[in-house]
N, C-alpha and C. Protein backbone atom coordinates (compact mmCIF):
# COMPACT_ATOMS: atom_id res chain seq x y z
N UNK A 1 -12.61 -17.24 -12.67
CA UNK A 1 -12.97 -16.42 -11.55
C UNK A 1 -11.90 -15.27 -11.42
N UNK A 2 -10.62 -15.61 -11.61
CA UNK A 2 -9.58 -14.55 -11.54
C UNK A 2 -9.79 -13.48 -12.59
N UNK A 3 -10.12 -13.95 -13.80
CA UNK A 3 -10.26 -13.00 -14.88
C UNK A 3 -11.50 -12.14 -14.71
N UNK A 4 -12.61 -12.66 -14.15
CA UNK A 4 -13.77 -11.85 -13.92
C UNK A 4 -13.52 -10.79 -12.94
N UNK A 5 -12.78 -11.09 -11.88
CA UNK A 5 -12.40 -10.10 -10.94
C UNK A 5 -11.54 -9.01 -11.48
N UNK A 6 -10.59 -9.42 -12.31
CA UNK A 6 -9.74 -8.51 -12.94
C UNK A 6 -10.45 -7.61 -13.86
N UNK A 7 -11.40 -8.12 -14.57
CA UNK A 7 -12.25 -7.31 -15.53
C UNK A 7 -13.02 -6.29 -14.79
N UNK A 8 -13.61 -6.63 -13.60
CA UNK A 8 -14.34 -5.68 -12.83
C UNK A 8 -13.42 -4.56 -12.38
N UNK A 9 -12.26 -4.93 -11.96
CA UNK A 9 -11.27 -3.89 -11.46
C UNK A 9 -10.87 -2.95 -12.60
N UNK A 10 -10.63 -3.56 -13.78
CA UNK A 10 -10.24 -2.75 -14.92
C UNK A 10 -11.34 -1.78 -15.28
N UNK A 11 -12.57 -2.21 -15.30
CA UNK A 11 -13.67 -1.36 -15.68
C UNK A 11 -13.80 -0.22 -14.59
N UNK A 12 -13.63 -0.61 -13.32
CA UNK A 12 -13.70 0.39 -12.31
C UNK A 12 -12.57 1.45 -12.42
N UNK A 13 -11.38 0.92 -12.80
CA UNK A 13 -10.27 1.86 -12.88
C UNK A 13 -10.52 2.91 -13.98
N UNK A 14 -11.26 2.58 -14.99
CA UNK A 14 -11.52 3.56 -16.04
C UNK A 14 -12.25 4.78 -15.57
N UNK A 15 -12.96 4.60 -14.44
CA UNK A 15 -13.74 5.70 -13.90
C UNK A 15 -13.05 6.44 -12.72
N UNK A 16 -11.85 6.09 -12.50
CA UNK A 16 -11.04 6.71 -11.40
C UNK A 16 -10.12 7.71 -12.05
N UNK A 17 -10.32 8.98 -11.78
CA UNK A 17 -9.58 10.02 -12.37
C UNK A 17 -8.43 10.43 -11.44
N UNK A 18 -7.19 10.48 -11.93
CA UNK A 18 -6.04 10.96 -11.14
C UNK A 18 -6.15 12.47 -10.92
N UNK A 19 -5.78 12.93 -9.75
CA UNK A 19 -5.75 14.37 -9.50
C UNK A 19 -4.82 15.07 -10.50
N UNK A 20 -5.21 16.26 -10.92
CA UNK A 20 -4.46 16.93 -12.00
C UNK A 20 -3.02 17.14 -11.57
N UNK A 21 -2.83 17.45 -10.26
CA UNK A 21 -1.49 17.76 -9.73
C UNK A 21 -0.54 16.61 -9.77
N UNK A 22 -1.09 15.42 -9.83
CA UNK A 22 -0.27 14.21 -9.67
C UNK A 22 0.30 13.73 -10.99
N UNK A 23 1.05 14.54 -11.69
CA UNK A 23 1.73 14.05 -12.86
C UNK A 23 2.96 13.31 -12.49
N UNK A 24 3.39 12.37 -13.34
CA UNK A 24 4.61 11.55 -13.06
C UNK A 24 5.81 12.47 -12.93
N UNK A 25 5.95 13.47 -13.79
CA UNK A 25 7.06 14.34 -13.78
C UNK A 25 7.18 15.08 -12.46
N UNK A 26 6.02 15.47 -11.93
CA UNK A 26 5.99 16.23 -10.70
C UNK A 26 6.29 15.39 -9.45
N UNK A 27 6.31 14.05 -9.62
CA UNK A 27 6.61 13.15 -8.50
C UNK A 27 8.04 12.70 -8.43
N UNK A 28 8.79 12.88 -9.52
CA UNK A 28 10.15 12.36 -9.59
C UNK A 28 11.07 12.92 -8.49
N UNK A 29 11.09 14.21 -8.38
CA UNK A 29 12.03 14.78 -7.42
C UNK A 29 11.55 14.58 -5.97
N UNK A 30 10.33 14.78 -5.62
CA UNK A 30 9.91 14.56 -4.22
C UNK A 30 10.02 13.13 -3.79
N UNK A 31 9.88 12.21 -4.70
CA UNK A 31 9.97 10.74 -4.39
C UNK A 31 11.37 10.38 -3.98
N UNK A 32 12.32 11.17 -4.38
CA UNK A 32 13.73 10.82 -3.98
C UNK A 32 14.34 11.77 -2.98
N UNK A 33 13.46 12.60 -2.40
CA UNK A 33 13.92 13.61 -1.48
C UNK A 33 14.11 13.07 -0.08
N UNK A 34 14.67 13.94 0.83
CA UNK A 34 14.79 13.58 2.24
C UNK A 34 13.91 14.57 3.00
N UNK A 35 13.63 14.27 4.24
CA UNK A 35 12.88 15.13 5.13
C UNK A 35 11.38 14.91 5.05
N UNK A 36 10.66 16.00 4.83
CA UNK A 36 9.19 15.94 4.74
C UNK A 36 8.72 16.67 3.47
N UNK A 37 9.02 16.16 2.32
CA UNK A 37 8.71 16.88 1.14
C UNK A 37 7.23 16.99 0.82
N UNK A 38 6.82 18.04 0.14
CA UNK A 38 5.47 18.17 -0.35
C UNK A 38 5.33 17.31 -1.56
N UNK A 39 4.35 16.41 -1.55
CA UNK A 39 4.11 15.53 -2.68
C UNK A 39 2.84 15.95 -3.37
N UNK A 40 2.90 16.33 -4.60
CA UNK A 40 1.77 16.90 -5.31
C UNK A 40 0.59 15.91 -5.30
N UNK A 41 -0.59 16.39 -4.84
CA UNK A 41 -1.78 15.58 -4.85
C UNK A 41 -1.98 14.80 -3.59
N UNK A 42 -0.97 14.74 -2.66
CA UNK A 42 -1.16 13.95 -1.43
C UNK A 42 -1.16 14.87 -0.23
N UNK A 43 -1.97 14.54 0.79
CA UNK A 43 -1.90 15.15 2.08
C UNK A 43 -1.12 14.17 2.95
N UNK A 44 0.14 14.54 3.25
CA UNK A 44 1.01 13.66 4.00
C UNK A 44 1.20 14.19 5.42
N UNK A 45 1.10 13.30 6.37
CA UNK A 45 1.40 13.53 7.79
C UNK A 45 2.67 12.76 8.12
N UNK A 46 3.75 13.48 8.39
CA UNK A 46 5.04 12.82 8.59
C UNK A 46 5.27 12.60 10.06
N UNK A 47 5.06 11.35 10.49
CA UNK A 47 5.41 10.94 11.85
C UNK A 47 6.86 10.51 11.91
N UNK A 48 7.40 10.12 10.73
CA UNK A 48 8.77 9.68 10.61
C UNK A 48 9.32 10.26 9.31
N UNK A 49 10.05 11.30 9.29
CA UNK A 49 10.57 11.92 8.07
C UNK A 49 11.44 10.94 7.26
N UNK A 50 11.58 11.14 6.03
CA UNK A 50 12.51 10.41 5.20
C UNK A 50 13.91 10.78 5.51
N UNK A 51 14.82 9.79 5.36
CA UNK A 51 16.24 10.07 5.43
C UNK A 51 16.78 10.03 4.02
N UNK A 52 18.12 9.83 3.92
CA UNK A 52 18.67 9.59 2.62
C UNK A 52 18.21 8.32 2.08
N UNK A 53 17.65 8.27 0.88
CA UNK A 53 17.04 7.07 0.34
C UNK A 53 18.10 5.92 0.23
N UNK A 54 19.32 6.28 0.10
CA UNK A 54 20.38 5.27 -0.01
C UNK A 54 20.61 4.53 1.31
N UNK A 55 20.08 5.06 2.40
CA UNK A 55 20.15 4.44 3.69
C UNK A 55 18.87 3.72 4.08
N UNK A 56 17.89 3.75 3.19
CA UNK A 56 16.59 3.10 3.50
C UNK A 56 16.76 1.56 3.44
N UNK A 57 15.85 0.87 4.09
CA UNK A 57 15.81 -0.62 3.99
C UNK A 57 15.61 -0.97 2.48
N UNK A 58 16.25 -2.04 2.01
CA UNK A 58 16.06 -2.41 0.63
C UNK A 58 14.76 -3.04 0.32
N UNK A 59 13.72 -2.24 0.26
CA UNK A 59 12.37 -2.72 -0.10
C UNK A 59 12.32 -3.17 -1.55
N UNK A 60 11.75 -4.36 -1.77
CA UNK A 60 11.69 -4.93 -3.09
C UNK A 60 10.18 -5.09 -3.48
N UNK A 61 9.28 -5.06 -2.54
CA UNK A 61 7.91 -5.25 -2.86
C UNK A 61 7.00 -4.27 -2.04
N UNK A 62 5.77 -4.21 -2.42
CA UNK A 62 4.77 -3.41 -1.75
C UNK A 62 3.59 -4.35 -1.48
N UNK A 63 3.15 -4.40 -0.18
CA UNK A 63 1.98 -5.22 0.24
C UNK A 63 0.87 -4.29 0.68
N UNK A 64 -0.27 -4.49 0.01
CA UNK A 64 -1.41 -3.64 0.33
C UNK A 64 -2.32 -4.38 1.39
N UNK A 65 -2.55 -3.70 2.54
CA UNK A 65 -3.39 -4.22 3.57
C UNK A 65 -4.63 -3.44 3.71
N UNK A 66 -5.60 -4.04 4.37
CA UNK A 66 -6.88 -3.29 4.82
C UNK A 66 -7.15 -3.71 6.21
N UNK A 67 -7.53 -2.76 7.06
CA UNK A 67 -7.84 -3.05 8.44
C UNK A 67 -9.30 -2.86 8.69
N UNK A 68 -9.82 -3.56 9.68
CA UNK A 68 -11.22 -3.48 10.05
C UNK A 68 -11.51 -2.29 10.96
N UNK A 69 -10.61 -1.37 11.07
CA UNK A 69 -10.90 -0.20 11.86
C UNK A 69 -11.88 0.71 11.19
N UNK A 70 -12.58 1.49 11.99
CA UNK A 70 -13.57 2.42 11.44
C UNK A 70 -12.85 3.67 10.92
N UNK A 71 -13.60 4.56 10.26
CA UNK A 71 -13.05 5.78 9.72
C UNK A 71 -12.41 6.54 10.87
N UNK A 72 -11.18 7.04 10.67
CA UNK A 72 -10.46 7.72 11.70
C UNK A 72 -9.43 6.81 12.38
N UNK A 73 -9.46 5.57 12.13
CA UNK A 73 -8.53 4.66 12.82
C UNK A 73 -7.11 4.66 12.28
N UNK A 74 -6.87 5.17 11.07
CA UNK A 74 -5.55 5.19 10.46
C UNK A 74 -4.68 6.13 11.33
N UNK A 75 -5.22 7.22 11.77
CA UNK A 75 -4.45 8.17 12.54
C UNK A 75 -3.93 7.51 13.86
N UNK A 76 -4.88 6.80 14.56
CA UNK A 76 -4.51 6.18 15.78
C UNK A 76 -3.48 5.02 15.52
N UNK A 77 -3.78 4.21 14.51
CA UNK A 77 -2.88 3.15 14.14
C UNK A 77 -1.51 3.59 13.83
N UNK A 78 -1.38 4.66 13.05
CA UNK A 78 -0.10 5.23 12.73
C UNK A 78 0.64 5.79 13.93
N UNK A 79 -0.07 6.43 14.83
CA UNK A 79 0.53 6.98 16.01
C UNK A 79 1.10 5.84 16.93
N UNK A 80 0.36 4.79 17.10
CA UNK A 80 0.82 3.70 17.84
C UNK A 80 2.04 3.00 17.19
N UNK A 81 1.97 2.92 15.85
CA UNK A 81 3.11 2.36 15.09
C UNK A 81 4.38 3.14 15.24
N UNK A 82 4.15 4.50 15.25
CA UNK A 82 5.30 5.38 15.38
C UNK A 82 5.98 5.17 16.75
N UNK A 83 5.21 4.93 17.79
CA UNK A 83 5.75 4.71 19.13
C UNK A 83 6.45 3.42 19.23
N UNK A 84 5.98 2.41 18.50
CA UNK A 84 6.54 1.06 18.61
C UNK A 84 6.70 0.53 17.15
N UNK A 85 7.66 0.92 16.45
CA UNK A 85 7.81 0.68 15.01
C UNK A 85 7.74 -0.80 14.59
N UNK A 86 8.19 -1.69 15.44
CA UNK A 86 8.27 -3.07 15.03
C UNK A 86 7.05 -3.90 15.47
N UNK A 87 6.03 -3.22 16.01
CA UNK A 87 4.77 -3.93 16.39
C UNK A 87 4.11 -4.41 15.10
N UNK A 88 3.02 -5.22 15.29
CA UNK A 88 2.28 -5.70 14.14
C UNK A 88 1.62 -4.54 13.44
N UNK A 89 1.98 -4.26 12.27
CA UNK A 89 1.47 -3.10 11.57
C UNK A 89 2.34 -2.79 10.32
N UNK A 90 2.28 -1.57 9.84
CA UNK A 90 2.91 -1.23 8.60
C UNK A 90 3.65 0.09 8.66
N UNK A 91 4.32 0.45 7.65
CA UNK A 91 5.00 1.73 7.56
C UNK A 91 4.15 2.88 7.19
N UNK A 92 3.14 2.66 6.30
CA UNK A 92 2.33 3.71 5.76
C UNK A 92 0.85 3.39 6.02
N UNK A 93 0.07 4.33 6.54
CA UNK A 93 -1.33 4.18 6.78
C UNK A 93 -2.11 5.22 5.96
N UNK A 94 -3.31 4.80 5.41
CA UNK A 94 -4.11 5.68 4.62
C UNK A 94 -5.53 5.76 5.21
N UNK A 95 -5.93 7.02 5.54
CA UNK A 95 -7.19 7.27 6.16
C UNK A 95 -8.30 7.28 5.09
N UNK A 96 -9.58 7.18 5.50
CA UNK A 96 -10.73 7.21 4.58
C UNK A 96 -10.81 8.51 3.85
N UNK A 97 -10.27 9.62 4.43
CA UNK A 97 -10.31 10.89 3.68
C UNK A 97 -9.09 11.09 2.78
N UNK A 98 -8.31 10.05 2.64
CA UNK A 98 -7.13 10.11 1.74
C UNK A 98 -5.83 10.56 2.40
N UNK A 99 -5.88 10.99 3.63
CA UNK A 99 -4.70 11.42 4.38
C UNK A 99 -3.69 10.24 4.54
N UNK A 100 -2.48 10.47 4.22
CA UNK A 100 -1.46 9.44 4.22
C UNK A 100 -0.54 9.72 5.49
N UNK A 101 -0.46 8.71 6.35
CA UNK A 101 0.45 8.88 7.52
C UNK A 101 1.66 8.03 7.30
N UNK A 102 2.89 8.68 7.28
CA UNK A 102 4.12 7.92 7.18
C UNK A 102 4.56 7.69 8.65
N UNK A 103 4.39 6.45 9.13
CA UNK A 103 4.53 6.19 10.58
C UNK A 103 5.88 5.71 11.03
N UNK A 104 6.62 5.12 10.21
CA UNK A 104 7.84 4.44 10.65
C UNK A 104 9.02 4.82 9.73
N UNK A 105 10.15 5.05 10.32
CA UNK A 105 11.36 5.33 9.55
C UNK A 105 11.60 4.28 8.58
N UNK A 106 12.03 4.66 7.37
CA UNK A 106 12.10 3.73 6.23
C UNK A 106 13.26 2.73 6.33
N UNK A 107 14.10 2.82 7.37
CA UNK A 107 15.13 1.83 7.58
C UNK A 107 14.73 0.78 8.57
N UNK A 108 13.50 0.85 9.16
CA UNK A 108 12.99 -0.09 10.13
C UNK A 108 11.96 -1.00 9.52
N UNK A 109 11.76 -2.22 10.10
CA UNK A 109 10.90 -3.20 9.47
C UNK A 109 9.70 -3.52 10.48
N UNK A 110 8.55 -3.04 10.25
CA UNK A 110 7.39 -3.40 11.13
C UNK A 110 7.02 -4.92 10.88
N UNK A 111 6.27 -5.42 11.79
CA UNK A 111 5.79 -6.79 11.69
C UNK A 111 4.52 -6.89 10.93
N UNK A 112 4.55 -7.27 9.71
CA UNK A 112 3.32 -7.40 8.87
C UNK A 112 3.49 -8.59 7.94
N UNK A 113 2.43 -9.14 7.47
CA UNK A 113 2.44 -10.29 6.62
C UNK A 113 2.56 -11.56 7.47
N UNK A 114 2.34 -12.66 6.84
CA UNK A 114 2.32 -13.98 7.53
C UNK A 114 3.30 -14.93 6.94
N UNK A 115 4.33 -14.45 6.34
CA UNK A 115 5.42 -15.26 5.84
C UNK A 115 5.24 -15.74 4.45
N UNK A 116 4.30 -15.10 3.71
CA UNK A 116 3.97 -15.49 2.31
C UNK A 116 3.65 -16.92 2.26
N UNK A 117 2.64 -17.38 3.02
CA UNK A 117 2.33 -18.79 3.11
C UNK A 117 1.35 -19.33 2.06
N UNK A 118 0.89 -18.47 1.17
CA UNK A 118 -0.13 -18.90 0.19
C UNK A 118 0.62 -19.54 -0.99
N UNK A 119 0.16 -20.75 -1.37
CA UNK A 119 0.81 -21.44 -2.46
C UNK A 119 -0.26 -22.15 -3.37
N UNK A 120 -1.47 -21.62 -3.31
CA UNK A 120 -2.56 -22.33 -4.09
C UNK A 120 -2.86 -21.66 -5.46
N UNK A 121 -2.10 -20.60 -5.80
CA UNK A 121 -2.30 -19.89 -7.09
C UNK A 121 -3.72 -19.39 -7.32
N UNK A 122 -4.44 -19.14 -6.23
CA UNK A 122 -5.84 -18.73 -6.38
C UNK A 122 -5.99 -17.37 -7.03
N UNK A 123 -5.12 -16.43 -6.73
CA UNK A 123 -5.24 -15.10 -7.30
C UNK A 123 -4.11 -14.80 -8.26
N UNK A 124 -2.94 -15.23 -7.96
CA UNK A 124 -1.76 -14.97 -8.84
C UNK A 124 -0.91 -16.28 -8.79
N UNK A 125 0.03 -16.30 -9.60
CA UNK A 125 1.01 -17.41 -9.58
C UNK A 125 1.90 -17.29 -8.31
N UNK A 126 1.79 -18.20 -7.40
CA UNK A 126 2.48 -18.07 -6.14
C UNK A 126 3.90 -18.60 -6.15
N UNK A 127 4.29 -19.12 -7.30
CA UNK A 127 5.70 -19.68 -7.34
C UNK A 127 6.78 -18.65 -7.02
N UNK A 128 6.61 -17.41 -7.49
CA UNK A 128 7.65 -16.42 -7.17
C UNK A 128 7.42 -15.71 -5.84
N UNK A 129 6.25 -16.00 -5.17
CA UNK A 129 5.92 -15.32 -3.90
C UNK A 129 6.02 -16.15 -2.64
N UNK A 130 5.89 -17.46 -2.82
CA UNK A 130 5.78 -18.34 -1.69
C UNK A 130 7.05 -18.29 -0.86
N UNK A 131 6.88 -17.83 0.41
CA UNK A 131 7.99 -17.66 1.34
C UNK A 131 8.99 -16.70 0.90
N UNK A 132 8.61 -15.84 -0.08
CA UNK A 132 9.61 -14.90 -0.64
C UNK A 132 9.16 -13.47 -0.49
N UNK A 133 7.91 -13.13 -0.56
CA UNK A 133 7.41 -11.80 -0.37
C UNK A 133 7.02 -11.66 1.09
N UNK A 134 7.97 -11.22 1.88
CA UNK A 134 7.83 -11.20 3.35
C UNK A 134 8.14 -9.83 3.94
N UNK A 135 7.93 -9.71 5.19
CA UNK A 135 8.03 -8.36 5.78
C UNK A 135 9.42 -7.75 5.66
N UNK A 136 10.41 -8.61 5.60
CA UNK A 136 11.79 -8.11 5.55
C UNK A 136 12.18 -7.49 4.22
N UNK A 137 11.36 -7.74 3.16
CA UNK A 137 11.67 -7.11 1.91
C UNK A 137 10.50 -6.38 1.28
N UNK A 138 9.42 -6.18 2.07
CA UNK A 138 8.21 -5.59 1.56
C UNK A 138 7.73 -4.45 2.47
N UNK A 139 7.49 -3.28 1.87
CA UNK A 139 6.92 -2.21 2.59
C UNK A 139 5.41 -2.32 2.57
N UNK A 140 4.80 -2.12 3.75
CA UNK A 140 3.34 -2.31 3.89
C UNK A 140 2.59 -1.03 3.92
N UNK A 141 1.43 -1.02 3.27
CA UNK A 141 0.51 0.13 3.21
C UNK A 141 -0.82 -0.34 3.72
N UNK A 142 -1.34 0.27 4.78
CA UNK A 142 -2.63 -0.15 5.40
C UNK A 142 -3.73 0.88 5.08
N UNK A 143 -4.81 0.40 4.59
CA UNK A 143 -5.99 1.25 4.27
C UNK A 143 -7.03 0.96 5.36
N UNK A 144 -7.43 2.01 6.07
CA UNK A 144 -8.45 1.83 7.15
C UNK A 144 -9.81 2.05 6.66
N UNK A 145 -10.83 1.52 7.38
CA UNK A 145 -12.21 1.94 7.14
C UNK A 145 -13.17 0.90 6.80
N UNK A 146 -12.74 -0.43 6.65
CA UNK A 146 -13.78 -1.40 6.21
C UNK A 146 -14.46 -2.04 7.45
N UNK A 147 -15.13 -1.18 8.21
CA UNK A 147 -15.81 -1.61 9.45
C UNK A 147 -17.17 -0.95 9.43
N UNK A 148 -18.24 -1.62 9.78
CA UNK A 148 -18.31 -2.98 10.32
C UNK A 148 -18.39 -4.10 9.21
N UNK A 149 -18.52 -3.65 7.93
CA UNK A 149 -18.56 -4.66 6.86
C UNK A 149 -17.18 -4.73 6.18
N UNK A 150 -16.57 -5.90 6.41
CA UNK A 150 -15.20 -6.02 5.85
C UNK A 150 -15.15 -6.03 4.31
N UNK A 151 -16.28 -6.24 3.72
CA UNK A 151 -16.35 -6.24 2.25
C UNK A 151 -16.44 -4.82 1.66
N UNK A 152 -16.53 -3.83 2.52
CA UNK A 152 -16.58 -2.42 2.11
C UNK A 152 -15.24 -2.07 1.44
N UNK A 153 -15.31 -1.53 0.31
CA UNK A 153 -14.13 -1.17 -0.47
C UNK A 153 -13.53 0.13 0.02
N UNK A 154 -12.42 0.50 -0.54
CA UNK A 154 -11.76 1.86 -0.20
C UNK A 154 -12.66 2.99 -0.68
N UNK A 155 -12.45 4.10 -0.05
CA UNK A 155 -13.22 5.28 -0.47
C UNK A 155 -12.55 5.91 -1.71
N UNK A 156 -13.29 6.73 -2.36
CA UNK A 156 -12.80 7.43 -3.55
C UNK A 156 -11.47 8.18 -3.20
N UNK A 157 -11.52 8.83 -2.00
CA UNK A 157 -10.31 9.59 -1.54
C UNK A 157 -9.11 8.66 -1.38
N UNK A 158 -9.32 7.50 -0.84
CA UNK A 158 -8.25 6.51 -0.70
C UNK A 158 -7.68 6.05 -2.03
N UNK A 159 -8.57 5.80 -2.95
CA UNK A 159 -8.17 5.34 -4.27
C UNK A 159 -7.37 6.44 -4.97
N UNK A 160 -7.81 7.72 -4.82
CA UNK A 160 -7.06 8.80 -5.45
C UNK A 160 -5.70 8.97 -4.83
N UNK A 161 -5.65 8.84 -3.50
CA UNK A 161 -4.32 8.92 -2.84
C UNK A 161 -3.45 7.75 -3.20
N UNK A 162 -3.97 6.53 -3.31
CA UNK A 162 -3.23 5.36 -3.73
C UNK A 162 -2.60 5.53 -5.05
N UNK A 163 -3.34 6.12 -5.92
CA UNK A 163 -2.85 6.30 -7.39
C UNK A 163 -1.53 7.04 -7.38
N UNK A 164 -1.41 7.98 -6.47
CA UNK A 164 -0.15 8.78 -6.41
C UNK A 164 0.84 8.03 -5.54
N UNK A 165 0.38 7.57 -4.38
CA UNK A 165 1.28 6.93 -3.40
C UNK A 165 2.07 5.79 -3.97
N UNK A 166 1.39 4.89 -4.69
CA UNK A 166 2.05 3.71 -5.22
C UNK A 166 3.10 4.11 -6.23
N UNK A 167 2.94 5.23 -6.94
CA UNK A 167 3.99 5.67 -7.82
C UNK A 167 5.18 6.29 -7.09
N UNK A 168 4.87 6.94 -6.00
CA UNK A 168 5.93 7.49 -5.15
C UNK A 168 6.80 6.39 -4.58
N UNK A 169 6.14 5.38 -4.02
CA UNK A 169 6.82 4.21 -3.39
C UNK A 169 7.74 3.51 -4.42
N UNK A 170 7.14 3.25 -5.57
CA UNK A 170 7.82 2.57 -6.63
C UNK A 170 9.03 3.35 -7.08
N UNK A 171 8.85 4.69 -7.25
CA UNK A 171 9.98 5.53 -7.73
C UNK A 171 11.02 5.67 -6.63
N UNK A 172 10.68 5.79 -5.42
CA UNK A 172 11.67 5.92 -4.35
C UNK A 172 12.49 4.68 -4.17
N UNK A 173 11.88 3.49 -4.19
CA UNK A 173 12.63 2.28 -3.93
C UNK A 173 12.85 1.39 -5.15
N UNK A 174 12.58 1.93 -6.30
CA UNK A 174 12.82 1.20 -7.59
C UNK A 174 12.07 -0.16 -7.53
N UNK A 175 10.83 -0.16 -7.17
CA UNK A 175 10.04 -1.40 -7.09
C UNK A 175 9.32 -1.61 -8.41
N UNK A 176 9.46 -2.75 -9.01
CA UNK A 176 8.75 -3.02 -10.30
C UNK A 176 7.19 -3.11 -10.09
N UNK A 177 6.50 -2.85 -11.14
CA UNK A 177 5.02 -2.85 -11.06
C UNK A 177 4.49 -4.19 -10.65
N UNK A 178 5.06 -5.28 -11.08
CA UNK A 178 4.54 -6.61 -10.77
C UNK A 178 5.04 -7.07 -9.36
N UNK A 179 5.60 -6.17 -8.58
CA UNK A 179 5.91 -6.48 -7.20
C UNK A 179 5.04 -5.74 -6.25
N UNK A 180 3.87 -5.31 -6.74
CA UNK A 180 2.83 -4.76 -5.95
C UNK A 180 1.84 -5.86 -5.66
N UNK A 181 1.63 -6.22 -4.38
CA UNK A 181 0.80 -7.35 -4.07
C UNK A 181 -0.25 -7.01 -3.02
N UNK A 182 -1.44 -7.65 -3.15
CA UNK A 182 -2.47 -7.61 -2.15
C UNK A 182 -2.07 -8.63 -1.07
N UNK A 183 -2.45 -8.35 0.13
CA UNK A 183 -2.16 -9.28 1.27
C UNK A 183 -2.72 -10.67 0.98
N UNK A 184 -3.92 -10.70 0.44
CA UNK A 184 -4.60 -11.98 0.18
C UNK A 184 -3.95 -12.74 -0.94
N UNK A 185 -3.17 -12.06 -1.86
CA UNK A 185 -2.49 -12.75 -2.87
C UNK A 185 -1.37 -13.64 -2.42
N UNK A 186 -0.72 -13.25 -1.33
CA UNK A 186 0.47 -13.92 -0.83
C UNK A 186 0.23 -14.65 0.45
N UNK A 187 -0.78 -14.34 1.22
CA UNK A 187 -1.08 -15.01 2.52
C UNK A 187 -2.50 -15.52 2.58
N UNK A 188 -2.76 -16.56 3.32
CA UNK A 188 -4.11 -17.01 3.59
C UNK A 188 -4.74 -16.09 4.63
N UNK A 189 -5.72 -15.28 4.24
CA UNK A 189 -6.36 -14.28 5.04
C UNK A 189 -7.83 -14.57 5.28
N UNK A 190 -8.53 -13.60 5.79
CA UNK A 190 -9.96 -13.63 6.09
C UNK A 190 -10.71 -14.04 4.83
N UNK A 191 -11.46 -15.18 4.93
CA UNK A 191 -12.16 -15.72 3.77
C UNK A 191 -13.34 -14.89 3.38
N UNK A 192 -13.74 -13.93 4.24
CA UNK A 192 -14.96 -13.10 3.98
C UNK A 192 -14.73 -12.08 2.86
N UNK A 193 -13.47 -11.72 2.58
CA UNK A 193 -13.20 -10.78 1.57
C UNK A 193 -11.75 -10.93 1.13
N UNK A 194 -11.39 -10.21 0.05
CA UNK A 194 -10.01 -10.31 -0.48
C UNK A 194 -9.29 -9.08 -0.08
N UNK A 195 -8.48 -9.19 0.96
CA UNK A 195 -7.82 -8.01 1.54
C UNK A 195 -6.80 -7.44 0.53
N UNK A 196 -7.02 -6.18 0.15
CA UNK A 196 -6.08 -5.42 -0.62
C UNK A 196 -6.12 -5.74 -2.13
N UNK A 197 -6.97 -6.68 -2.54
CA UNK A 197 -6.97 -7.16 -3.89
C UNK A 197 -7.37 -6.13 -4.92
N UNK A 198 -8.40 -5.35 -4.63
CA UNK A 198 -8.84 -4.37 -5.59
C UNK A 198 -7.80 -3.24 -5.75
N UNK A 199 -7.25 -2.81 -4.64
CA UNK A 199 -6.20 -1.76 -4.68
C UNK A 199 -4.94 -2.20 -5.40
N UNK A 200 -4.53 -3.39 -5.16
CA UNK A 200 -3.32 -3.98 -5.84
C UNK A 200 -3.62 -4.14 -7.30
N UNK A 201 -4.79 -4.61 -7.63
CA UNK A 201 -5.15 -4.75 -9.07
C UNK A 201 -5.19 -3.38 -9.78
N UNK A 202 -5.77 -2.44 -9.08
CA UNK A 202 -5.77 -1.06 -9.70
C UNK A 202 -4.40 -0.57 -10.00
N UNK A 203 -3.48 -0.75 -9.06
CA UNK A 203 -2.13 -0.30 -9.26
C UNK A 203 -1.53 -0.93 -10.49
N UNK A 204 -1.81 -2.20 -10.70
CA UNK A 204 -1.21 -2.85 -11.96
C UNK A 204 -1.96 -2.45 -13.23
N UNK A 205 -3.29 -2.12 -13.11
CA UNK A 205 -3.99 -1.68 -14.21
C UNK A 205 -3.58 -0.30 -14.65
N UNK A 206 -3.29 0.54 -13.64
CA UNK A 206 -2.77 1.88 -13.92
C UNK A 206 -1.44 1.87 -14.60
N UNK A 207 -0.64 0.84 -14.29
CA UNK A 207 0.61 0.63 -14.96
C UNK A 207 1.71 1.64 -14.64
N UNK A 208 2.61 1.84 -15.56
CA UNK A 208 3.74 2.62 -15.31
C UNK A 208 3.39 4.12 -15.29
């Protein structure tokens, strides 16, 4: 079952084209910058500018989330998160049109994840994740728009934005590729769909 899902994701990834502007070389400097840098290929809305990366929280993982909000809900969710950074939510929100909202200062820890309580190895080997990939060491990215059908996948614009965003996050915080996780991989979530699984798989398929 795991292999068949991975194969579908790999085949899908072959048809996802990265924006021309989003070259790895073009991301190196902005990924380590401060303030509100222009990131090639991304439309960024900075509700919380970056500080000195050396003062950021020591993020070691990336957790991909999906919310049941309708199109347009990422903007509202990010705004509420910005007002109350430690509420249930994430640091980064991605709208259906691909707009990325950086909602929370990178030295603060929002409340997301459920304590890495999954230990059934259903999607990945949970031995290195069980009770270890948690909010205190994982930066969260929320993709909006799977409403009213939770099985609805991300939009093409979200996938294109993610292809750049995941490289930026990994470059900024020195996060290894195998530390990109779907929420469903590490926590027991909604049984109707696999939250974040396709996006996390794509990130690993795209590789370095």
